[in-house]
Amino acid sequence: MKWLILFHVIVAVVGIGPTFFGIILLRKHQTISDLRHNVLLQHKLDYFPKIGGTLAVITGILLVLFGNYGSILQVWLFASLVIYLSIQVIVIGFISPTLNELQRWLLHPENRASTQLPTQQDASLHKISNLYLLTCILGFLIFILMIIKPA
């Protein structure tokens, strides 16, 4: 059981960890050149939450089923799962589509010489940045719930 706990913690950190980079890589008020680089880097980092986050949920369910954690309806367990699912909805449903649109604009050959984001792309960047901030806060809440386990 200790190995499953260890694996769960590692995949959770690896799974949620790159989400915290989103607020740095996709921050407001950066040069377009930096933004182009950072968008591509964030795209690569997005694999970690998909794989690690999925493994964290699976190992978490295994821990509940085979461990001595009690009902999944406990506040800390149920809230963690709901928060994790909320993060997934935010990332998959809102951040990814907006980021893909921004990336298409940034990498389009006609826009390579641009030095400033047009209004629509700037609004997209602000939306992405704010949503990454929200996911970071939610990620911290999961870690807090997992550590203090409130009843």
Protein backbone atom coordinates (compact mmCIF):
# COMPACT_ATOMS: atom_id res chain seq x y z
CA MET A 1 0.00 0.00 0.00
CA LYS A 2 2.89 2.39 0.71
CA TRP A 3 4.12 1.95 -2.87
CA LEU A 4 0.68 2.81 -4.23
CA ILE A 5 0.60 5.94 -2.03
CA LEU A 6 4.07 6.91 -3.24
CA PHE A 7 3.11 6.34 -6.88
CA HIS A 8 -0.13 8.30 -6.36
CA VAL A 9 1.71 11.29 -4.90
CA ILE A 10 4.34 11.26 -7.66
CA VAL A 11 1.83 11.07 -10.52
CA ALA A 12 -0.31 13.74 -8.85
CA VAL A 13 2.63 16.13 -8.62
CA VAL A 14 3.74 15.33 -12.17
CA GLY A 15 0.13 15.50 -13.38
CA ILE A 16 -0.89 18.76 -11.76
CA GLY A 17 2.56 20.36 -11.61
CA PRO A 18 2.83 21.60 -15.22
CA THR A 19 -0.50 23.36 -14.82
CA PHE A 20 1.26 25.77 -12.48
CA PHE A 21 3.62 26.75 -15.31
CA GLY A 22 0.68 28.02 -17.36
CA ILE A 23 0.41 31.22 -15.34
CA ILE A 24 4.10 31.90 -15.98
CA LEU A 25 4.38 30.80 -19.60
CA LEU A 26 1.12 32.36 -20.74
CA ARG A 27 1.28 35.51 -18.68
CA LYS A 28 -0.07 38.80 -19.90
CA HIS A 29 2.22 41.53 -21.19
CA GLN A 30 5.05 39.60 -22.83
CA THR A 31 6.62 39.97 -26.24
CA ILE A 32 5.07 38.07 -29.13
CA SER A 33 8.37 36.27 -29.67
CA ASP A 34 8.36 35.04 -26.07
CA LEU A 35 4.68 34.16 -26.33
CA ARG A 36 5.29 32.06 -29.46
CA HIS A 37 8.00 30.12 -27.67
CA ASN A 38 5.94 29.75 -24.49
CA VAL A 39 2.81 28.56 -26.30
CA LEU A 40 4.80 25.77 -27.93
CA LEU A 41 6.38 24.87 -24.61
CA GLN A 42 3.00 24.83 -22.85
CA HIS A 43 1.64 22.58 -25.59
CA LYS A 44 4.38 20.06 -24.75
CA LEU A 45 3.73 20.37 -21.01
CA ASP A 46 0.02 19.64 -21.53
CA TYR A 47 0.82 15.92 -21.91
CA PHE A 48 1.79 15.66 -18.25
CA PRO A 49 -1.63 16.58 -16.80
CA LYS A 50 -3.38 14.29 -19.26
CA ILE A 51 -1.28 11.26 -18.36
CA GLY A 52 -0.30 12.03 -14.77
CA GLY A 53 -3.70 13.38 -13.82
CA THR A 54 -5.44 10.30 -15.18
CA LEU A 55 -3.04 8.02 -13.30
CA ALA A 56 -3.59 10.07 -10.13
CA VAL A 57 -7.34 9.52 -10.33
CA ILE A 58 -6.91 5.80 -10.99
CA THR A 59 -4.43 5.34 -8.14
CA GLY A 60 -6.64 7.46 -5.88
CA ILE A 61 -9.61 5.22 -6.59
CA LEU A 62 -7.44 2.14 -5.92
CA LEU A 63 -6.34 3.66 -2.61
CA VAL A 64 -9.95 4.23 -1.59
CA LEU A 65 -10.98 0.72 -2.65
CA PHE A 66 -8.08 -1.16 -1.07
CA GLY A 67 -6.97 1.20 1.67
CA ASN A 68 -8.42 2.20 4.98
CA TYR A 69 -9.71 5.61 3.88
CA GLY A 70 -13.43 5.12 4.39
CA SER A 71 -16.18 6.33 2.10
CA ILE A 72 -15.44 8.32 -1.04
CA LEU A 73 -18.16 10.70 0.16
CA GLN A 74 -15.86 12.14 2.82
CA VAL A 75 -15.43 15.87 2.32
CA TRP A 76 -11.71 15.74 1.47
CA LEU A 77 -12.02 12.84 -0.98
CA PHE A 78 -15.19 13.93 -2.72
CA ALA A 79 -14.14 17.58 -2.87
CA SER A 80 -10.73 16.64 -4.28
CA LEU A 81 -12.36 14.60 -7.03
CA VAL A 82 -14.85 17.36 -7.87
CA ILE A 83 -12.08 19.97 -7.93
CA TYR A 84 -9.91 17.76 -10.13
CA LEU A 85 -12.80 17.26 -12.55
CA SER A 86 -13.36 21.04 -12.53
CA ILE A 87 -9.72 21.58 -13.47
CA GLN A 88 -10.11 19.12 -16.33
CA VAL A 89 -13.23 20.92 -17.59
CA ILE A 90 -11.46 24.29 -17.41
CA VAL A 91 -8.33 23.03 -19.19
CA ILE A 92 -9.99 20.83 -21.82
CA GLY A 93 -13.14 22.89 -22.34
CA PHE A 94 -11.87 26.45 -22.08
CA ILE A 95 -8.08 26.80 -22.04
CA SER A 96 -7.17 24.32 -24.78
CA PRO A 97 -9.55 25.63 -27.47
CA THR A 98 -8.60 29.24 -26.76
CA LEU A 99 -4.91 28.36 -26.65
CA ASN A 100 -5.17 26.49 -29.96
CA GLU A 101 -6.74 29.55 -31.60
CA LEU A 102 -4.04 31.80 -30.18
CA GLN A 103 -1.34 29.38 -31.29
CA ARG A 104 -2.75 29.27 -34.84
CA TRP A 105 -2.58 33.06 -35.01
CA LEU A 106 0.91 33.23 -33.50
CA LEU A 107 2.36 30.62 -35.84
CA HIS A 108 0.62 31.77 -39.01
CA PRO A 109 3.28 32.98 -41.48
CA GLU A 110 1.43 36.26 -42.12
CA ASN A 111 1.69 37.16 -38.44
CA ARG A 112 5.41 36.41 -37.96
CA ALA A 113 6.37 40.08 -38.30
CA SER A 114 3.73 41.28 -35.83
CA THR A 115 5.04 42.99 -32.72
CA GLN A 116 1.74 43.41 -30.94
CA LEU A 117 -1.25 41.15 -30.40
CA PRO A 118 -4.51 42.28 -31.98
CA THR A 119 -7.39 42.93 -29.60
CA GLN A 120 -9.00 39.50 -30.05
CA GLN A 121 -5.75 37.57 -29.45
CA ASP A 122 -4.88 39.79 -26.48
CA ALA A 123 -8.30 39.06 -24.98
CA SER A 124 -7.66 35.34 -25.54
CA LEU A 125 -4.31 35.58 -23.76
CA HIS A 126 -5.94 37.36 -20.80
CA LYS A 127 -8.64 34.68 -20.65
CA ILE A 128 -6.05 31.89 -20.74
CA SER A 129 -3.90 33.58 -18.11
CA ASN A 130 -6.84 34.09 -15.76
CA LEU A 131 -8.05 30.52 -16.23
CA TYR A 132 -4.57 29.15 -15.47
CA LEU A 133 -4.56 31.21 -12.29
CA LEU A 134 -7.89 29.63 -11.35
CA THR A 135 -6.56 26.12 -12.06
CA CYS A 136 -3.53 26.83 -9.88
CA ILE A 137 -5.74 27.87 -6.99
CA LEU A 138 -7.85 24.75 -7.46
CA GLY A 139 -4.71 22.60 -7.65
CA PHE A 140 -3.48 24.05 -4.37
CA LEU A 141 -6.88 23.28 -2.83
CA ILE A 142 -6.51 19.63 -3.86
CA PHE A 143 -3.09 19.41 -2.25
CA ILE A 144 -4.40 21.07 0.91
CA LEU A 145 -7.34 18.67 1.09
CA MET A 146 -5.08 15.68 0.55
CA ILE A 147 -2.70 16.78 3.30
CA ILE A 148 -5.06 17.97 6.05
CA LYS A 149 -7.98 15.62 5.19
CA PRO A 150 -10.80 17.61 6.83
CA ALA A 151 -13.81 15.61 7.97
